[in-house]
Amino acid sequence: MKQHKNIYHIVKANLCVGCGICEDVCSKHCIQIKLIKGQNIPSLSEKECNQCGLCLQVCPGKGFQITQQTQKLFGNELQIHKDNHLGYTLANYAGYSTDHEIRYHGASGGLVTGLLSYLLRKKIIDGAVVVSFKKENPFSPSTYIARTEEEIIQSRSSKYCAISYEGIASEILQKEGKYVVVGLPCHIQAFRNYERISKKLKERVIGHFALYCSATKNQDSLHYMMKRYGVDEHSVASFTYRDEGCMGSMIAKDENGKVLLKKSYLSYYIPLHGFFNLSRCSLCVDHYGELADVSLGDLQIDKYKEDQIGISSMIIRTNKWHEIIKKAVRDSAIKIESIDDELLKSSQMYAYKHKKGPGIRAAFTIRKKLGLSTPDYDIELKGYYNYKFVLRELMNYACRFIGRHPSLWFIIQLLDRK
């Protein structure tokens, strides 16, 4: 049997996360990211491939040595401590942007947008890797390097669909400067992997900001939601998953600014369940972006649940970024207050139910029983394990099957009677 020293096996085994970084690192330019059934999939020309193995070296889909890598990155930071779920932690905060417009229109208080704007304004960075929707196609995400505050603000709010970062690392390597990469944990893993083999990339990317992630959805979920709520996709000129305060609402508008659809976040997101989740997400152990310098996400718990405008939680893992963020507070760009590990973890309960626990053990067990490949991690998957979690994971398989077949989408709607 032919031995592949490239991503062929990763794609065939359905372990690809669709990050797109393999396209940039390929020395023969024989990898191209294509959107297939709502997912970003690498298309490989094996005739041109020289089996150099670089694409495998950067690939987060095959798994990563989370204990070893985080120890090397953060283990020597002063006052650092480690939590089984959060990873290494120097300080935890609740916070938001002091700019009301950014806070109101950005997911969970606009802390990411407000902080990135500050970093650009103070010339701490020359650009930030962010994601927005294309003007010519409001349902198609576009990853780019924002070099102005206007471009940062354009990227505000969450993007709950598969996103590829192809071309970004190449652009950073071509143009000198200091950059922050914002992405999901898998995107951060990919960049960290690339930086291990590229000194120049490591020097230019001075910050990694991760967004907490339970799972991401394929882009077909967007088509389903428009169909579900009776909106003609061709009439939509602007779209956002979350806008107008706290958890916010999904809003679609036409070219004249007329609102075609407005649904509160919880009322549309929960009924989606796992129907459009990427299967690789069920095998991920990194909810909090443990390889990132700074990680951010929702904080809907205790007194913070009462907030109607928006508040984020934030994990800081390096003294360097802790000092930068404290300076942003002194300059009144953001406002923060300390929170402890337990409060932060309680706000993200999925991390206990699946990541590093019995849920992911069930997912691994099923795949192995079926003779399928699983990611390689250097941690022991713990947690009480029984048939309840196996049944739940089998249900997730069924949900994903339905999501991949538009002819079966009526089942999703039958389950959502709202």
Protein backbone atom coordinates (compact mmCIF):
# COMPACT_ATOMS: atom_id res chain seq x y z
CA MET A 1 0.00 0.00 0.00
CA LYS A 2 1.28 3.46 -0.90
CA GLN A 3 2.55 5.46 2.05
CA HIS A 4 1.38 9.06 1.97
CA LYS A 5 3.60 11.70 3.53
CA ASN A 6 0.92 14.30 2.95
CA ILE A 7 -2.62 15.14 4.02
CA TYR A 8 -4.23 12.47 1.82
CA HIS A 9 -4.86 10.18 4.80
CA ILE A 10 -6.17 13.07 6.96
CA VAL A 11 -8.77 14.02 4.36
CA LYS A 12 -9.75 10.42 3.58
CA ALA A 13 -10.14 9.63 7.30
CA ASN A 14 -12.40 12.70 7.74
CA LEU A 15 -10.00 14.21 10.27
CA CYS A 16 -9.47 17.49 8.39
CA VAL A 17 -10.54 20.61 10.31
CA GLY A 18 -10.51 22.77 7.17
CA CYS A 19 -8.06 25.33 8.54
CA GLY A 20 -6.41 25.84 5.12
CA ILE A 21 -2.86 26.22 6.42
CA CYS A 22 -1.63 23.22 4.42
CA GLU A 23 -2.19 25.19 1.20
CA ASP A 24 0.26 27.88 2.34
CA VAL A 25 3.01 25.57 3.53
CA CYS A 26 3.01 23.35 0.42
CA SER A 27 6.37 23.86 -1.33
CA LYS A 28 5.02 22.55 -4.67
CA HIS A 29 1.73 24.49 -4.52
CA CYS A 30 -0.19 21.31 -5.18
CA ILE A 31 -2.85 21.83 -2.47
CA GLN A 32 -5.94 23.91 -3.06
CA ILE A 33 -8.74 24.48 -0.55
CA LYS A 34 -12.18 23.87 -2.04
CA LEU A 35 -15.64 24.30 -0.54
CA ILE A 36 -17.29 20.87 -0.76
CA LYS A 37 -20.68 20.26 0.86
CA GLY A 38 -20.22 23.26 3.09
CA GLN A 39 -16.73 22.27 4.29
CA ASN A 40 -13.28 23.56 3.36
CA ILE A 41 -11.45 20.51 2.02
CA PRO A 42 -7.85 20.35 0.71
CA SER A 43 -7.67 19.09 -2.87
CA LEU A 44 -4.29 17.44 -3.45
CA SER A 45 -2.54 16.88 -6.78
CA GLU A 46 -0.52 13.78 -5.89
CA LYS A 47 1.31 13.77 -9.23
CA GLU A 48 2.97 17.06 -8.31
CA CYS A 49 3.49 16.21 -4.61
CA ASN A 50 7.11 15.50 -3.65
CA GLN A 51 6.10 13.89 -0.32
CA CYS A 52 8.00 16.53 1.68
CA GLY A 53 5.57 16.12 4.57
CA LEU A 54 5.28 19.82 5.42
CA CYS A 55 1.49 19.75 5.17
CA LEU A 56 1.36 16.99 7.77
CA GLN A 57 3.67 18.92 10.07
CA VAL A 58 1.28 21.89 10.24
CA CYS A 59 -1.96 19.88 10.21
CA PRO A 60 -3.98 20.14 13.46
CA GLY A 61 -6.45 17.51 12.25
CA LYS A 62 -4.10 14.65 13.02
CA GLY A 63 -3.95 15.76 16.66
CA PHE A 64 -1.24 17.55 18.59
CA GLN A 65 0.89 17.13 21.68
CA ILE A 66 -1.13 19.48 23.87
CA THR A 67 0.75 18.79 27.12
CA GLN A 68 4.17 19.12 25.55
CA GLN A 69 3.37 22.19 23.47
CA THR A 70 1.62 24.17 26.22
CA GLN A 71 4.42 23.36 28.67
CA LYS A 72 6.97 24.72 26.22
CA LEU A 73 4.91 27.82 25.45
CA PHE A 74 3.72 28.81 28.93
CA GLY A 75 5.27 26.56 31.56
CA ASN A 76 7.95 29.07 32.53
CA GLU A 77 5.69 32.12 32.83
CA LEU A 78 5.75 33.77 36.25
CA GLN A 79 2.74 32.97 38.48
CA ILE A 80 1.32 30.56 35.92
CA HIS A 81 -0.87 27.66 37.02
CA LYS A 82 -2.50 24.81 35.13
CA ASP A 83 -6.10 23.62 35.10
CA ASN A 84 -7.17 20.37 33.47
CA HIS A 85 -9.80 22.13 31.33
CA LEU A 86 -8.54 25.69 30.93
CA GLY A 87 -4.91 24.75 30.35
CA TYR A 88 -2.23 27.13 31.60
CA THR A 89 -3.68 30.27 33.16
CA LEU A 90 -2.00 33.44 34.36
CA ALA A 91 -5.13 35.53 34.91
CA ASN A 92 -8.87 35.35 34.14
CA TYR A 93 -11.11 38.35 33.55
CA ALA A 94 -14.61 39.44 32.67
CA GLY A 95 -14.62 42.48 30.45
CA TYR A 96 -15.93 44.54 27.54
CA SER A 97 -15.03 47.35 25.16
CA THR A 98 -15.58 50.86 26.49
CA ASP A 99 -16.76 51.93 23.02
CA HIS A 100 -20.54 51.48 23.24
CA GLU A 101 -21.01 50.82 19.51
CA ILE A 102 -18.35 48.12 19.51
CA ARG A 103 -19.70 46.60 22.70
CA TYR A 104 -23.33 46.59 21.52
CA HIS A 105 -22.65 45.22 18.03
CA GLY A 106 -19.80 42.86 18.88
CA ALA A 107 -20.48 39.42 20.34
CA SER A 108 -20.20 39.30 24.13
CA GLY A 109 -19.16 42.86 24.77
CA GLY A 110 -16.86 43.41 21.79
CA LEU A 111 -13.75 42.73 23.88
CA VAL A 112 -11.83 41.22 20.94
CA THR A 113 -12.76 44.07 18.58
CA GLY A 114 -12.03 46.74 21.17
CA LEU A 115 -8.67 45.24 22.08
CA LEU A 116 -7.55 44.78 18.46
CA SER A 117 -8.55 48.35 17.62
CA TYR A 118 -6.45 49.56 20.54
CA LEU A 119 -3.44 47.49 19.46
CA LEU A 120 -3.57 49.00 15.98
CA ARG A 121 -4.12 52.52 17.26
CA LYS A 122 -1.10 52.26 19.56
CA LYS A 123 0.97 50.64 16.79
CA ILE A 124 1.61 47.58 18.94
CA ILE A 125 0.64 45.54 15.88
CA ASP A 126 0.55 46.24 12.15
CA GLY A 127 -2.36 43.96 11.45
CA ALA A 128 -4.74 41.35 12.83
CA VAL A 129 -6.02 38.21 11.14
CA VAL A 130 -9.82 38.37 11.35
CA VAL A 131 -12.91 37.11 9.52
CA SER A 132 -15.80 38.97 7.93
CA PHE A 133 -18.45 38.18 5.33
CA LYS A 134 -17.78 39.13 1.72
CA LYS A 135 -19.65 42.19 0.48
CA GLU A 136 -20.53 40.45 -2.78
CA ASN A 137 -21.70 37.34 -0.90
CA PRO A 138 -22.99 37.94 2.65
CA PHE A 139 -23.00 34.20 3.39
CA SER A 140 -19.39 33.59 2.38
CA PRO A 141 -16.76 34.18 5.11
CA SER A 142 -13.56 35.96 4.16
CA THR A 143 -10.36 35.75 6.21
CA TYR A 144 -8.04 38.74 5.87
CA ILE A 145 -5.42 40.84 7.61
CA ALA A 146 -7.07 43.96 9.01
CA ARG A 147 -4.67 46.90 8.95
CA THR A 148 -7.09 49.69 9.97
CA GLU A 149 -9.59 50.09 12.78
CA GLU A 150 -12.37 50.21 10.18
CA GLU A 151 -11.35 46.77 8.92
CA ILE A 152 -11.26 45.48 12.49
CA ILE A 153 -14.78 46.75 13.18
CA GLN A 154 -15.99 45.21 9.91
CA SER A 155 -15.07 41.78 11.34
CA ARG A 156 -16.95 42.16 14.62
CA SER A 157 -19.36 39.51 15.89
CA SER A 158 -19.27 35.71 15.73
CA LYS A 159 -19.01 33.53 12.62
CA TYR A 160 -20.62 30.14 13.26
CA CYS A 161 -19.48 28.41 10.10
CA ALA A 162 -16.43 26.63 8.70
CA ILE A 163 -13.63 29.10 7.96
CA SER A 164 -10.38 28.59 6.09
CA TYR A 165 -7.21 30.65 6.57
CA GLU A 166 -5.43 29.80 3.32
CA GLY A 167 -3.24 32.62 2.00
CA ILE A 168 -2.89 34.34 5.38
CA ALA A 169 0.42 32.82 6.50
CA SER A 170 1.87 33.51 3.03
CA GLU A 171 0.81 37.15 3.24
CA ILE A 172 2.40 37.52 6.68
CA LEU A 173 5.63 36.00 5.39
CA GLN A 174 5.66 38.37 2.41
CA LYS A 175 5.15 41.60 4.34
CA GLU A 176 7.12 42.63 7.42
CA GLY A 177 5.25 43.61 10.51
CA LYS A 178 3.82 42.45 13.81
CA TYR A 179 0.58 40.52 13.70
CA VAL A 180 -2.08 38.98 15.93
CA VAL A 181 -3.93 35.89 14.71
CA VAL A 182 -7.53 35.53 15.89
CA GLY A 183 -9.17 32.16 15.36
CA LEU A 184 -10.69 29.00 16.75
CA PRO A 185 -8.47 26.62 18.72
CA CYS A 186 -7.74 24.54 15.60
CA HIS A 187 -6.60 27.64 13.68
CA ILE A 188 -4.27 28.57 16.54
CA GLN A 189 -2.91 25.00 16.59
CA ALA A 190 -2.19 25.21 12.85
CA PHE A 191 -0.32 28.52 13.17
CA ARG A 192 1.69 27.27 16.14
CA ASN A 193 2.66 24.21 14.10
CA TYR A 194 3.71 26.36 11.15
CA GLU A 195 5.75 28.62 13.43
CA ARG A 196 7.72 25.60 14.63
CA ILE A 197 9.15 25.22 11.11
CA SER A 198 9.22 28.90 10.10
CA LYS A 199 11.31 31.27 12.21
CA LYS A 200 10.10 34.26 10.20
CA LEU A 201 6.43 33.48 10.83
CA LYS A 202 7.12 32.97 14.53
CA GLU A 203 8.83 36.37 14.75
CA ARG A 204 6.00 38.20 12.97
CA VAL A 205 3.04 36.63 14.76
CA ILE A 206 3.39 38.20 18.20
CA GLY A 207 -0.01 37.22 19.51
CA HIS A 208 -2.49 34.35 19.24
CA PHE A 209 -6.10 35.05 20.30
CA ALA A 210 -8.39 32.02 20.48
CA LEU A 211 -12.18 32.02 20.65
CA TYR A 212 -13.71 29.28 22.80
CA CYS A 213 -15.21 26.59 20.60
CA SER A 214 -17.42 23.59 21.31
CA ALA A 215 -17.84 22.79 17.61
CA THR A 216 -18.14 24.63 14.33
CA LYS A 217 -20.76 24.16 11.66
CA ASN A 218 -20.48 23.70 7.92
CA GLN A 219 -21.65 26.50 5.64
CA ASP A 220 -24.76 24.57 4.61
CA SER A 221 -26.23 25.59 7.97
CA LEU A 222 -26.60 29.11 6.57
CA HIS A 223 -28.65 27.83 3.63
CA TYR A 224 -30.81 25.80 5.98
CA MET A 225 -31.55 28.79 8.22
CA MET A 226 -32.60 30.99 5.31
CA LYS A 227 -34.86 28.22 4.04
CA ARG A 228 -36.17 27.51 7.53
CA TYR A 229 -37.24 31.11 8.08
CA GLY A 230 -38.48 31.75 4.54
CA VAL A 231 -35.82 34.22 3.42
CA ASP A 232 -34.70 34.42 -0.21
CA GLU A 233 -30.90 34.22 -0.06
CA HIS A 234 -30.55 36.35 -3.19
CA SER A 235 -32.31 39.25 -1.49
CA VAL A 236 -29.89 39.35 1.45
CA ALA A 237 -27.23 42.07 1.26
CA SER A 238 -25.90 41.86 4.83
CA PHE A 239 -25.91 39.13 7.43
CA THR A 240 -24.70 38.64 10.98
CA TYR A 241 -25.05 35.76 13.41
CA ARG A 242 -25.11 37.99 16.49
CA ASP A 243 -25.85 41.69 16.74
CA GLU A 244 -27.60 44.19 19.01
CA GLY A 245 -26.45 43.42 22.50
CA CYS A 246 -25.44 40.59 24.82
CA MET A 247 -26.16 37.22 23.15
CA GLY A 248 -27.66 39.18 20.29
CA SER A 249 -29.74 38.21 17.28
CA MET A 250 -29.19 36.79 13.81
CA ILE A 251 -30.08 39.61 11.43
CA ALA A 252 -30.40 39.60 7.63
CA LYS A 253 -31.06 42.80 5.69
CA ASP A 254 -31.63 43.69 2.05
CA GLU A 255 -29.67 46.28 0.06
CA ASN A 256 -31.93 49.05 1.36
CA GLY A 257 -31.30 48.11 4.99
CA LYS A 258 -34.71 46.53 5.46
CA VAL A 259 -34.68 43.74 8.05
CA LEU A 260 -35.64 40.47 6.36
CA LEU A 261 -34.97 38.27 9.38
CA LYS A 262 -34.30 38.78 13.06
CA LYS A 263 -34.05 35.82 15.43
CA SER A 264 -32.54 35.81 18.90
CA TYR A 265 -29.35 33.79 19.17
CA LEU A 266 -30.68 31.09 21.49
CA SER A 267 -33.94 30.68 19.55
CA TYR A 268 -32.16 29.73 16.31
CA TYR A 269 -28.88 28.23 17.50
CA ILE A 270 -30.13 25.63 19.99
CA PRO A 271 -32.54 23.97 17.50
CA LEU A 272 -29.61 23.42 15.12
CA HIS A 273 -28.18 20.96 17.68
CA GLY A 274 -25.36 19.02 15.98
CA PHE A 275 -27.01 18.69 12.56
CA PHE A 276 -24.36 20.74 10.77
CA ASN A 277 -21.36 20.19 13.03
CA LEU A 278 -18.10 19.07 11.46
CA SER A 279 -17.47 15.46 12.48
CA ARG A 280 -13.85 16.22 13.42
CA CYS A 281 -15.11 18.60 16.13
CA SER A 282 -16.45 15.65 18.16
CA LEU A 283 -12.83 14.48 18.53
CA CYS A 284 -11.38 17.79 19.72
CA VAL A 285 -10.02 18.21 23.26
CA ASP A 286 -9.28 21.94 23.06
CA HIS A 287 -12.33 23.99 24.01
CA TYR A 288 -10.48 27.00 25.43
CA GLY A 289 -7.73 27.41 22.84
CA GLU A 290 -4.98 26.25 25.15
CA LEU A 291 -2.16 27.16 22.74
CA ALA A 292 -3.26 30.79 22.56
CA ASP A 293 -1.71 33.70 24.45
CA VAL A 294 -5.21 35.02 25.10
CA SER A 295 -8.53 33.14 24.88
CA LEU A 296 -11.99 34.72 24.93
CA GLY A 297 -15.65 33.69 24.94
CA ASP A 298 -19.14 34.11 26.39
CA LEU A 299 -19.78 34.60 30.10
CA GLN A 300 -23.49 33.98 30.67
CA ILE A 301 -23.50 33.08 34.35
CA ASP A 302 -24.19 34.60 37.79
CA LYS A 303 -24.37 38.40 37.79
CA TYR A 304 -22.98 38.57 34.26
CA LYS A 305 -26.10 36.85 32.93
CA GLU A 306 -28.09 39.94 33.84
CA ASP A 307 -26.09 42.15 31.48
CA GLN A 308 -28.02 43.16 28.35
CA ILE A 309 -25.21 44.77 26.37
CA GLY A 310 -22.40 42.23 26.47
CA ILE A 311 -19.55 40.84 28.58
CA SER A 312 -16.73 38.47 27.61
CA SER A 313 -14.55 36.20 29.66
CA MET A 314 -10.82 36.19 28.98
CA ILE A 315 -7.91 33.89 29.83
CA ILE A 316 -4.39 35.33 29.69
CA ARG A 317 -1.39 32.97 29.55
CA THR A 318 1.67 35.20 29.19
CA ASN A 319 3.08 38.06 31.24
CA LYS A 320 3.76 39.98 28.04
CA TRP A 321 0.12 40.04 27.01
CA HIS A 322 -1.03 40.58 30.57
CA GLU A 323 0.94 43.84 30.68
CA ILE A 324 -0.38 44.94 27.26
CA ILE A 325 -3.97 44.29 28.33
CA LYS A 326 -3.50 46.11 31.63
CA LYS A 327 -2.20 49.09 29.65
CA ALA A 328 -5.32 48.95 27.45
CA VAL A 329 -7.35 49.17 30.66
CA ARG A 330 -5.33 52.16 31.90
CA ASP A 331 -5.89 53.85 28.54
CA SER A 332 -9.64 53.23 28.91
CA ALA A 333 -9.94 51.09 25.77
CA ILE A 334 -11.43 48.14 27.67
CA LYS A 335 -12.76 47.45 31.14
CA ILE A 336 -12.07 44.21 33.02
CA GLU A 337 -12.45 42.59 36.44
CA SER A 338 -10.90 39.40 37.80
CA ILE A 339 -12.82 36.12 37.90
CA ASP A 340 -11.70 32.73 39.16
CA ASP A 341 -11.21 29.43 37.32
CA GLU A 342 -14.38 27.81 38.61
CA LEU A 343 -16.67 30.63 37.50
CA LEU A 344 -15.10 30.65 34.07
CA LYS A 345 -15.44 26.88 33.69
CA SER A 346 -19.04 26.92 34.91
CA SER A 347 -19.89 29.34 32.12
CA GLN A 348 -18.77 26.80 29.52
CA MET A 349 -20.33 23.57 30.73
CA TYR A 350 -19.85 21.75 27.41
CA ALA A 351 -16.17 21.55 28.27
CA TYR A 352 -17.11 19.23 31.14
CA LYS A 353 -19.67 17.20 29.18
CA HIS A 354 -17.45 16.45 26.23
CA LYS A 355 -13.97 17.91 25.92
CA LYS A 356 -11.43 15.77 27.78
CA GLY A 357 -14.28 13.84 29.38
CA PRO A 358 -16.70 10.96 28.84
CA GLY A 359 -18.22 12.48 25.70
CA ILE A 360 -14.98 12.47 23.77
CA ARG A 361 -14.11 9.03 25.12
CA ALA A 362 -17.35 7.78 23.58
CA ALA A 363 -16.52 9.44 20.24
CA PHE A 364 -13.06 7.85 20.21
CA THR A 365 -14.44 4.43 21.18
CA ILE A 366 -17.04 4.41 18.39
CA ARG A 367 -14.53 5.39 15.73
CA LYS A 368 -12.08 2.75 16.87
CA LYS A 369 -14.83 0.10 16.90
CA LEU A 370 -15.60 1.08 13.31
CA GLY A 371 -11.94 0.81 12.36
CA LEU A 372 -11.63 4.56 11.77
CA SER A 373 -8.62 6.73 12.56
CA THR A 374 -8.57 9.08 15.56
CA PRO A 375 -6.39 12.10 16.39
CA ASP A 376 -3.25 11.58 18.43
CA TYR A 377 -3.01 13.50 21.72
CA ASP A 378 -0.55 13.18 24.59
CA ILE A 379 -3.24 13.29 27.27
CA GLU A 380 -5.32 10.59 28.89
CA LEU A 381 -9.03 10.96 28.19
CA LYS A 382 -10.67 10.76 31.59
CA GLY A 383 -14.18 10.83 32.98
CA TYR A 384 -16.93 8.35 33.79
CA TYR A 385 -17.93 6.52 30.65
CA ASN A 386 -21.16 4.61 29.99
CA TYR A 387 -23.63 3.79 27.23
CA LYS A 388 -25.45 7.11 27.70
CA PHE A 389 -22.53 8.91 26.11
CA VAL A 390 -22.20 6.28 23.38
CA LEU A 391 -25.89 6.72 22.55
CA ARG A 392 -25.47 10.48 22.49
CA GLU A 393 -22.56 10.23 20.09
CA LEU A 394 -24.48 7.82 17.84
CA MET A 395 -27.28 10.39 17.78
CA ASN A 396 -24.71 12.99 16.75
CA TYR A 397 -23.69 10.74 13.84
CA ALA A 398 -27.34 10.57 12.77
CA CYS A 399 -27.75 14.34 13.09
CA ARG A 400 -24.69 15.00 10.96
CA PHE A 401 -25.99 12.58 8.31
CA ILE A 402 -29.27 14.51 8.14
CA GLY A 403 -27.42 17.82 7.95
CA ARG A 404 -25.38 16.62 4.96
CA HIS A 405 -28.51 15.78 2.98
CA PRO A 406 -30.82 18.73 2.17
CA SER A 407 -33.62 16.33 1.26
CA LEU A 408 -33.74 15.40 4.98
CA TRP A 409 -33.71 18.93 6.38
CA PHE A 410 -37.46 18.74 6.99
CA ILE A 411 -36.63 16.49 9.96
CA ILE A 412 -34.70 19.33 11.59
CA GLN A 413 -37.63 21.65 11.12
CA LEU A 414 -40.06 19.10 12.56
CA LEU A 415 -37.96 18.98 15.71
CA ASP A 416 -37.90 22.78 15.88
CA ARG A 417 -41.49 23.86 16.44
CA LYS A 418 -40.70 27.42 17.47
